[in-house]
Amino acid sequence: MISDQVIVKPLTSSNWADMGIVLGGNGDGGCWCMWWRLTDDEFEDGRGEGNKQAMKKLVDSGKTPGVIAYFNGQPAGWCAIGPRQDFNRLLRSSLLTQIDNEPVWSIVCYYINPRFRGKGLMEHLTRGAIELAKTKNIPLVEAYPVEVAPGSSPAGAYTGVAAVLRKVGFVDILKQGSRPIMRYTT
């Protein structure tokens, strides 16, 4: 996806180094976007280099675990997307329950490098994630955003902001507790 200043590309072996630039040298506190894929113990055992190598192994295996946004050519943001069954925490969640047996890919995480926040990158990343799902013939994309009141700080928005997802075309499917489950039909 291309905008005047933003291009979104799938994460592959050829642009792997850009993920480290987006997340910072420590991979956003050692996460490397592995939290959703692992148990607590696995995540903590791998925090840092272990999680980095686990993500790199996914990428090197030919999987595309997400998309990177480039702002004026600089790696600026990340969005994790993949088959729902690849995300261990979703499978175990009582709040983010599986709705049906439709083949769905899930958007589980966004990270915008602090230098590029406030530039609308979440919308670009979401559109790029949808495009990635389309290239894999995935009929549904699911997300689990937070509701953010106008004028308030989007705390916990690493799973997305509901208003941004609605703007892109996601619709509310189910709400348990404070977090909606939303879908986009590709």
Foldseek 3Di string as FASTA:
>chain_A
DDDPFKDKDFDAPVCLVLQCVQCDVQNVQQQVVCQQQDDPVVRVVCRGPNNSVVVVVCRHVVHGQFMFMGGNNHTFKIWGKDWQVNGPCCPVDPFNDDDDPAGEMETAFMGTRVVPPPVLVLLVRVVVNVVVCVVVVRFKYKFWAAEDDPPDDRPPRRRHYVVSVVVNPWDFDDGDPGITITMDTD
